[in-house]
Amino acid sequence: MKARVHVMLKEGVLDPQGEAVRHALGALGFDGVGGVRQGKVIELDLPEGTTEETVTQMCEQLLANTVIEKYEIELV
C-alpha cells in the first residue's frame, strides 16, 4: 500500500521559498500572482494493513514539524 503525506506551512508562518517563487514568476512576466505557498509531498511504500493512525504517528514524530507545519494523509 502507499500513503502520500502533503506537508505545508501553517497559515501565518512566513514562507520565504514561496515568496521567492512568486517574485521569480513576476520577473518572468507572470503578473498577478498574489501569493505562493510551497510544501512537500512524501510518498511512502508501506506494508498492507498499515493504518492511518500509524502514518499519523510518523508525521507527528518525524515527517512534519507540527509547530509550524500542517499535514494531510492520503492513503492510495
PDB file of N, CA and C in Angstrom:
ATOM      1  N   MET A   1       0.832  -1.181   0.000  1.00  0.00           N
ATOM      2  CA  MET A   1       0.000   0.000   0.000  1.00  0.00           C
ATOM      3  C   MET A   1       0.870   1.235   0.000  1.00  0.00           C
ATOM      4  N   LYS A   2       0.298   2.320  -0.450  1.00  0.00           N
ATOM      5  CA  LYS A   2       1.027   3.588  -0.486  1.00  0.00           C
ATOM      6  C   LYS A   2       0.273   4.623   0.330  1.00  0.00           C
ATOM      7  N   ALA A   3       1.037   5.545   0.862  1.00  0.00           N
ATOM      8  CA  ALA A   3       0.452   6.716   1.505  1.00  0.00           C
ATOM      9  C   ALA A   3       1.204   7.935   1.006  1.00  0.00           C
ATOM     10  N   ARG A   4       0.470   8.998   0.770  1.00  0.00           N
ATOM     11  CA  ARG A   4       1.080  10.281   0.431  1.00  0.00           C
ATOM     12  C   ARG A   4       0.797  11.241   1.570  1.00  0.00           C
ATOM     13  N   VAL A   5       1.833  11.926   1.992  1.00  0.00           N
ATOM     14  CA  VAL A   5       1.691  12.921   3.039  1.00  0.00           C
ATOM     15  C   VAL A   5       2.004  14.278   2.425  1.00  0.00           C
ATOM     16  N   HIS A   6       1.052  15.186   2.482  1.00  0.00           N
ATOM     17  CA  HIS A   6       1.221  16.544   1.971  1.00  0.00           C
ATOM     18  C   HIS A   6       1.516  17.438   3.168  1.00  0.00           C
ATOM     19  N   VAL A   7       2.687  18.071   3.159  1.00  0.00           N
ATOM     20  CA  VAL A   7       3.109  18.915   4.271  1.00  0.00           C
ATOM     21  C   VAL A   7       3.207  20.359   3.777  1.00  0.00           C
ATOM     22  N   MET A   8       2.549  21.266   4.499  1.00  0.00           N
ATOM     23  CA  MET A   8       2.573  22.692   4.160  1.00  0.00           C
ATOM     24  C   MET A   8       2.792  23.504   5.427  1.00  0.00           C
ATOM     25  N   LEU A   9       3.363  24.687   5.256  1.00  0.00           N
ATOM     26  CA  LEU A   9       3.467  25.587   6.389  1.00  0.00           C
ATOM     27  C   LEU A   9       2.075  26.032   6.809  1.00  0.00           C
ATOM     28  N   LYS A  10       1.872  26.208   8.105  1.00  0.00           N
ATOM     29  CA  LYS A  10       0.591  26.694   8.607  1.00  0.00           C
ATOM     30  C   LYS A  10       0.376  28.131   8.159  1.00  0.00           C
ATOM     31  N   GLU A  11      -0.904  28.525   8.080  1.00  0.00           N
ATOM     32  CA  GLU A  11      -1.229  29.912   7.743  1.00  0.00           C
ATOM     33  C   GLU A  11      -0.572  30.833   8.770  1.00  0.00           C
ATOM     34  N   GLY A  12      -0.067  31.944   8.315  1.00  0.00           N
ATOM     35  CA  GLY A  12       0.559  32.912   9.206  1.00  0.00           C
ATOM     36  C   GLY A  12       2.052  32.696   9.394  1.00  0.00           C
ATOM     37  N   VAL A  13       2.566  31.545   8.954  1.00  0.00           N
ATOM     38  CA  VAL A  13       4.005  31.277   9.039  1.00  0.00           C
ATOM     39  C   VAL A  13       4.639  31.777   7.745  1.00  0.00           C
ATOM     40  N   LEU A  14       5.675  32.583   7.874  1.00  0.00           N
ATOM     41  CA  LEU A  14       6.370  33.129   6.719  1.00  0.00           C
ATOM     42  C   LEU A  14       6.896  32.011   5.824  1.00  0.00           C
ATOM     43  N   ASP A  15       6.734  32.157   4.521  1.00  0.00           N
ATOM     44  CA  ASP A  15       7.183  31.153   3.553  1.00  0.00           C
ATOM     45  C   ASP A  15       8.163  31.808   2.580  1.00  0.00           C
ATOM     46  N   PRO A  16       9.452  31.900   2.943  1.00  0.00           N
ATOM     47  CA  PRO A  16      10.415  32.578   2.073  1.00  0.00           C
ATOM     48  C   PRO A  16      10.593  31.892   0.720  1.00  0.00           C
ATOM     49  N   GLN A  17      10.487  30.566   0.663  1.00  0.00           N
ATOM     50  CA  GLN A  17      10.606  29.886  -0.628  1.00  0.00           C
ATOM     51  C   GLN A  17       9.424  30.233  -1.525  1.00  0.00           C
ATOM     52  N   GLY A  18       8.244  30.243  -0.969  1.00  0.00           N
ATOM     53  CA  GLY A  18       7.067  30.620  -1.738  1.00  0.00           C
ATOM     54  C   GLY A  18       7.159  32.047  -2.245  1.00  0.00           C
ATOM     55  N   GLU A  19       7.650  32.947  -1.393  1.00  0.00           N
ATOM     56  CA  GLU A  19       7.807  34.347  -1.798  1.00  0.00           C
ATOM     57  C   GLU A  19       8.834  34.485  -2.916  1.00  0.00           C
ATOM     58  N   ALA A  20       9.914  33.710  -2.854  1.00  0.00           N
ATOM     59  CA  ALA A  20      10.933  33.737  -3.914  1.00  0.00           C
ATOM     60  C   ALA A  20      10.337  33.258  -5.238  1.00  0.00           C
ATOM     61  N   VAL A  21       9.501  32.229  -5.195  1.00  0.00           N
ATOM     62  CA  VAL A  21       8.847  31.728  -6.407  1.00  0.00           C
ATOM     63  C   VAL A  21       7.896  32.780  -6.959  1.00  0.00           C
ATOM     64  N   ARG A  22       7.110  33.421  -6.078  1.00  0.00           N
ATOM     65  CA  ARG A  22       6.188  34.469  -6.520  1.00  0.00           C
ATOM     66  C   ARG A  22       6.941  35.597  -7.208  1.00  0.00           C
ATOM     67  N   HIS A  23       8.060  36.010  -6.608  1.00  0.00           N
ATOM     68  CA  HIS A  23       8.871  37.083  -7.185  1.00  0.00           C
ATOM     69  C   HIS A  23       9.437  36.661  -8.545  1.00  0.00           C
ATOM     70  N   ALA A  24       9.943  35.437  -8.629  1.00  0.00           N
ATOM     71  CA  ALA A  24      10.516  34.948  -9.892  1.00  0.00           C
ATOM     72  C   ALA A  24       9.451  34.864 -10.987  1.00  0.00           C
ATOM     73  N   LEU A  25       8.244  34.437 -10.632  1.00  0.00           N
ATOM     74  CA  LEU A  25       7.169  34.393 -11.625  1.00  0.00           C
ATOM     75  C   LEU A  25       6.863  35.792 -12.164  1.00  0.00           C
ATOM     76  N   GLY A  26       6.843  36.784 -11.280  1.00  0.00           N
ATOM     77  CA  GLY A  26       6.638  38.163 -11.716  1.00  0.00           C
ATOM     78  C   GLY A  26       7.740  38.627 -12.645  1.00  0.00           C
ATOM     79  N   ALA A  27       8.988  38.272 -12.316  1.00  0.00           N
ATOM     80  CA  ALA A  27      10.129  38.654 -13.158  1.00  0.00           C
ATOM     81  C   ALA A  27      10.055  37.998 -14.532  1.00  0.00           C
ATOM     82  N   LEU A  28       9.401  36.845 -14.615  1.00  0.00           N
ATOM     83  CA  LEU A  28       9.247  36.154 -15.898  1.00  0.00           C
ATOM     84  C   LEU A  28       8.031  36.639 -16.684  1.00  0.00           C
ATOM     85  N   GLY A  29       7.317  37.613 -16.136  1.00  0.00           N
ATOM     86  CA  GLY A  29       6.181  38.182 -16.843  1.00  0.00           C
ATOM     87  C   GLY A  29       4.830  37.615 -16.447  1.00  0.00           C
ATOM     88  N   PHE A  30       4.786  36.763 -15.446  1.00  0.00           N
ATOM     89  CA  PHE A  30       3.516  36.208 -14.975  1.00  0.00           C
ATOM     90  C   PHE A  30       2.963  37.124 -13.889  1.00  0.00           C
ATOM     91  N   ASP A  31       2.337  38.202 -14.329  1.00  0.00           N
ATOM     92  CA  ASP A  31       1.816  39.198 -13.395  1.00  0.00           C
ATOM     93  C   ASP A  31       0.545  38.703 -12.726  1.00  0.00           C
ATOM     94  N   GLY A  32       0.280  39.247 -11.561  1.00  0.00           N
ATOM     95  CA  GLY A  32      -0.975  38.980 -10.885  1.00  0.00           C
ATOM     96  C   GLY A  32      -0.957  37.813  -9.916  1.00  0.00           C
ATOM     97  N   VAL A  33       0.183  37.151  -9.764  1.00  0.00           N
ATOM     98  CA  VAL A  33       0.257  36.061  -8.784  1.00  0.00           C
ATOM     99  C   VAL A  33       0.336  36.705  -7.407  1.00  0.00           C
ATOM    100  N   GLY A  34      -0.714  36.527  -6.611  1.00  0.00           N
ATOM    101  CA  GLY A  34      -0.801  37.206  -5.323  1.00  0.00           C
ATOM    102  C   GLY A  34      -0.019  36.541  -4.216  1.00  0.00           C
ATOM    103  N   GLY A  35       0.150  35.253  -4.293  1.00  0.00           N
ATOM    104  CA  GLY A  35       0.866  34.551  -3.240  1.00  0.00           C
ATOM    105  C   GLY A  35       1.190  33.132  -3.660  1.00  0.00           C
ATOM    106  N   VAL A  36       2.256  32.620  -3.117  1.00  0.00           N
ATOM    107  CA  VAL A  36       2.670  31.242  -3.387  1.00  0.00           C
ATOM    108  C   VAL A  36       3.051  30.606  -2.060  1.00  0.00           C
ATOM    109  N   ARG A  37       2.541  29.415  -1.799  1.00  0.00           N
ATOM    110  CA  ARG A  37       2.932  28.624  -0.640  1.00  0.00           C
ATOM    111  C   ARG A  37       3.599  27.368  -1.175  1.00  0.00           C
ATOM    112  N   GLN A  38       4.757  27.049  -0.664  1.00  0.00           N
ATOM    113  CA  GLN A  38       5.476  25.875  -1.132  1.00  0.00           C
ATOM    114  C   GLN A  38       5.471  24.825  -0.038  1.00  0.00           C
ATOM    115  N   GLY A  39       5.306  23.583  -0.434  1.00  0.00           N
ATOM    116  CA  GLY A  39       5.297  22.493   0.527  1.00  0.00           C
ATOM    117  C   GLY A  39       6.042  21.296  -0.022  1.00  0.00           C
ATOM    118  N   LYS A  40       5.751  20.151   0.547  1.00  0.00           N
ATOM    119  CA  LYS A  40       6.403  18.929   0.080  1.00  0.00           C
ATOM    120  C   LYS A  40       5.404  17.782   0.114  1.00  0.00           C
ATOM    121  N   VAL A  41       5.651  16.796  -0.740  1.00  0.00           N
ATOM    122  CA  VAL A  41       4.859  15.576  -0.773  1.00  0.00           C
ATOM    123  C   VAL A  41       5.808  14.427  -0.485  1.00  0.00           C
ATOM    124  N   ILE A  42       5.440  13.605   0.481  1.00  0.00           N
ATOM    125  CA  ILE A  42       6.244  12.440   0.848  1.00  0.00           C
ATOM    126  C   ILE A  42       5.414  11.211   0.508  1.00  0.00           C
ATOM    127  N   GLU A  43       5.956  10.334  -0.330  1.00  0.00           N
ATOM    128  CA  GLU A  43       5.251   9.121  -0.706  1.00  0.00           C
ATOM    129  C   GLU A  43       5.900   7.949   0.006  1.00  0.00           C
ATOM    130  N   LEU A  44       5.085   7.175   0.689  1.00  0.00           N
ATOM    131  CA  LEU A  44       5.573   6.049   1.485  1.00  0.00           C
ATOM    132  C   LEU A  44       5.054   4.740   0.913  1.00  0.00           C
ATOM    133  N   ASP A  45       5.928   3.752   0.723  1.00  0.00           N
ATOM    134  CA  ASP A  45       5.527   2.380   0.405  1.00  0.00           C
ATOM    135  C   ASP A  45       5.465   1.639   1.731  1.00  0.00           C
ATOM    136  N   LEU A  46       4.272   1.177   2.089  1.00  0.00           N
ATOM    137  CA  LEU A  46       4.043   0.595   3.408  1.00  0.00           C
ATOM    138  C   LEU A  46       3.500  -0.826   3.288  1.00  0.00           C
ATOM    139  N   PRO A  47       3.696  -1.621   4.327  1.00  0.00           N
ATOM    140  CA  PRO A  47       3.118  -2.966   4.310  1.00  0.00           C
ATOM    141  C   PRO A  47       1.589  -2.900   4.310  1.00  0.00           C
ATOM    142  N   GLU A  48       0.951  -3.851   3.654  1.00  0.00           N
ATOM    143  CA  GLU A  48      -0.511  -3.917   3.660  1.00  0.00           C
ATOM    144  C   GLU A  48      -1.006  -3.947   5.099  1.00  0.00           C
ATOM    145  N   GLY A  49      -2.084  -3.249   5.341  1.00  0.00           N
ATOM    146  CA  GLY A  49      -2.661  -3.240   6.668  1.00  0.00           C
ATOM    147  C   GLY A  49      -2.158  -2.115   7.560  1.00  0.00           C
ATOM    148  N   THR A  50      -1.209  -1.317   7.068  1.00  0.00           N
ATOM    149  CA  THR A  50      -0.746  -0.175   7.854  1.00  0.00           C
ATOM    150  C   THR A  50      -1.912   0.790   8.022  1.00  0.00           C
ATOM    151  N   THR A  51      -2.124   1.243   9.224  1.00  0.00           N
ATOM    152  CA  THR A  51      -3.272   2.103   9.493  1.00  0.00           C
ATOM    153  C   THR A  51      -2.914   3.577   9.328  1.00  0.00           C
ATOM    154  N   GLU A  52      -3.941   4.373   9.149  1.00  0.00           N
ATOM    155  CA  GLU A  52      -3.743   5.814   9.064  1.00  0.00           C
ATOM    156  C   GLU A  52      -3.180   6.344  10.386  1.00  0.00           C
ATOM    157  N   GLU A  53      -3.543   5.708  11.464  1.00  0.00           N
ATOM    158  CA  GLU A  53      -3.006   6.101  12.775  1.00  0.00           C
ATOM    159  C   GLU A  53      -1.488   5.945  12.819  1.00  0.00           C
ATOM    160  N   THR A  54      -0.971   4.881  12.208  1.00  0.00           N
ATOM    161  CA  THR A  54       0.480   4.671  12.149  1.00  0.00           C
ATOM    162  C   THR A  54       1.144   5.768  11.331  1.00  0.00           C
ATOM    163  N   VAL A  55       0.533   6.122  10.195  1.00  0.00           N
ATOM    164  CA  VAL A  55       1.087   7.186   9.353  1.00  0.00           C
ATOM    165  C   VAL A  55       1.034   8.523  10.108  1.00  0.00           C
ATOM    166  N   THR A  56      -0.034   8.742  10.853  1.00  0.00           N
ATOM    167  CA  THR A  56      -0.135   9.950  11.674  1.00  0.00           C
ATOM    168  C   THR A  56       1.008  10.013  12.676  1.00  0.00           C
ATOM    169  N   GLN A  57       1.329   8.898  13.307  1.00  0.00           N
ATOM    170  CA  GLN A  57       2.452   8.866  14.243  1.00  0.00           C
ATOM    171  C   GLN A  57       3.765   9.196  13.541  1.00  0.00           C
ATOM    172  N   MET A  58       3.941   8.708  12.317  1.00  0.00           N
ATOM    173  CA  MET A  58       5.142   9.029  11.531  1.00  0.00           C
ATOM    174  C   MET A  58       5.238  10.530  11.304  1.00  0.00           C
ATOM    175  N   CYS A  59       4.101  11.135  10.959  1.00  0.00           N
ATOM    176  CA  CYS A  59       4.070  12.574  10.710  1.00  0.00           C
ATOM    177  C   CYS A  59       4.400  13.351  11.977  1.00  0.00           C
ATOM    178  N   GLU A  60       3.781  12.966  13.074  1.00  0.00           N
ATOM    179  CA  GLU A  60       3.960  13.680  14.336  1.00  0.00           C
ATOM    180  C   GLU A  60       5.394  13.569  14.856  1.00  0.00           C
ATOM    181  N   GLN A  61       6.029  12.428  14.612  1.00  0.00           N
ATOM    182  CA  GLN A  61       7.353  12.190  15.177  1.00  0.00           C
ATOM    183  C   GLN A  61       8.499  12.597  14.252  1.00  0.00           C
ATOM    184  N   LEU A  62       8.265  12.622  12.922  1.00  0.00           N
ATOM    185  CA  LEU A  62       9.382  12.864  12.015  1.00  0.00           C
ATOM    186  C   LEU A  62       9.048  13.682  10.768  1.00  0.00           C
ATOM    187  N   LEU A  63       7.984  13.352  10.089  1.00  0.00           N
ATOM    188  CA  LEU A  63       7.769  13.884   8.747  1.00  0.00           C
ATOM    189  C   LEU A  63       7.350  15.346   8.705  1.00  0.00           C
ATOM    190  N   ALA A  64       6.727  15.839   9.772  1.00  0.00           N
ATOM    191  CA  ALA A  64       6.268  17.233   9.796  1.00  0.00           C
ATOM    192  C   ALA A  64       6.701  17.885  11.106  1.00  0.00           C
ATOM    193  N   ASN A  65       7.062  19.146  11.010  1.00  0.00           N
ATOM    194  CA  ASN A  65       7.324  19.944  12.205  1.00  0.00           C
ATOM    195  C   ASN A  65       5.991  20.564  12.592  1.00  0.00           C
ATOM    196  N   THR A  66       5.283  19.921  13.502  1.00  0.00           N
ATOM    197  CA  THR A  66       3.903  20.303  13.781  1.00  0.00           C
ATOM    198  C   THR A  66       3.765  21.662  14.463  1.00  0.00           C
ATOM    199  N   VAL A  67       4.865  22.261  14.862  1.00  0.00           N
ATOM    200  CA  VAL A  67       4.811  23.613  15.418  1.00  0.00           C
ATOM    201  C   VAL A  67       4.472  24.613  14.306  1.00  0.00           C
ATOM    202  N   ILE A  68       5.058  24.408  13.117  1.00  0.00           N
ATOM    203  CA  ILE A  68       4.876  25.369  12.029  1.00  0.00           C
ATOM    204  C   ILE A  68       4.255  24.758  10.772  1.00  0.00           C
ATOM    205  N   GLU A  69       4.085  23.435  10.742  1.00  0.00           N
ATOM    206  CA  GLU A  69       3.566  22.786   9.543  1.00  0.00           C
ATOM    207  C   GLU A  69       2.290  22.012   9.854  1.00  0.00           C
ATOM    208  N   LYS A  70       1.453  21.909   8.826  1.00  0.00           N
ATOM    209  CA  LYS A  70       0.280  21.047   8.882  1.00  0.00           C
ATOM    210  C   LYS A  70       0.480  19.951   7.847  1.00  0.00           C
ATOM    211  N   TYR A  71      -0.240  18.861   7.997  1.00  0.00           N
ATOM    212  CA  TYR A  71      -0.100  17.766   7.036  1.00  0.00           C
ATOM    213  C   TYR A  71      -1.440  17.117   6.773  1.00  0.00           C
ATOM    214  N   GLU A  72      -1.541  16.514   5.603  1.00  0.00           N
ATOM    215  CA  GLU A  72      -2.709  15.715   5.218  1.00  0.00           C
ATOM    216  C   GLU A  72      -2.218  14.367   4.726  1.00  0.00           C
ATOM    217  N   ILE A  73      -2.919  13.337   5.123  1.00  0.00           N
ATOM    218  CA  ILE A  73      -2.554  11.983   4.737  1.00  0.00           C
ATOM    219  C   ILE A  73      -3.537  11.494   3.680  1.00  0.00           C
ATOM    220  N   GLU A  74      -2.980  10.905   2.624  1.00  0.00           N
ATOM    221  CA  GLU A  74      -3.790  10.331   1.548  1.00  0.00           C
ATOM    222  C   GLU A  74      -3.364   8.873   1.389  1.00  0.00           C
ATOM    223  N   LEU A  75      -4.249   7.942   1.706  1.00  0.00           N
ATOM    224  CA  LEU A  75      -3.953   6.523   1.507  1.00  0.00           C
ATOM    225  C   LEU A  75      -4.316   6.162   0.079  1.00  0.00           C
ATOM    226  N   VAL A  76      -3.375   5.564  -0.623  1.00  0.00           N
ATOM    227  CA  VAL A  76      -3.570   5.285  -2.049  1.00  0.00           C
ATOM    228  C   VAL A  76      -3.674   3.788  -2.261  1.00  0.00           C
TER     229      VAL A  76
END
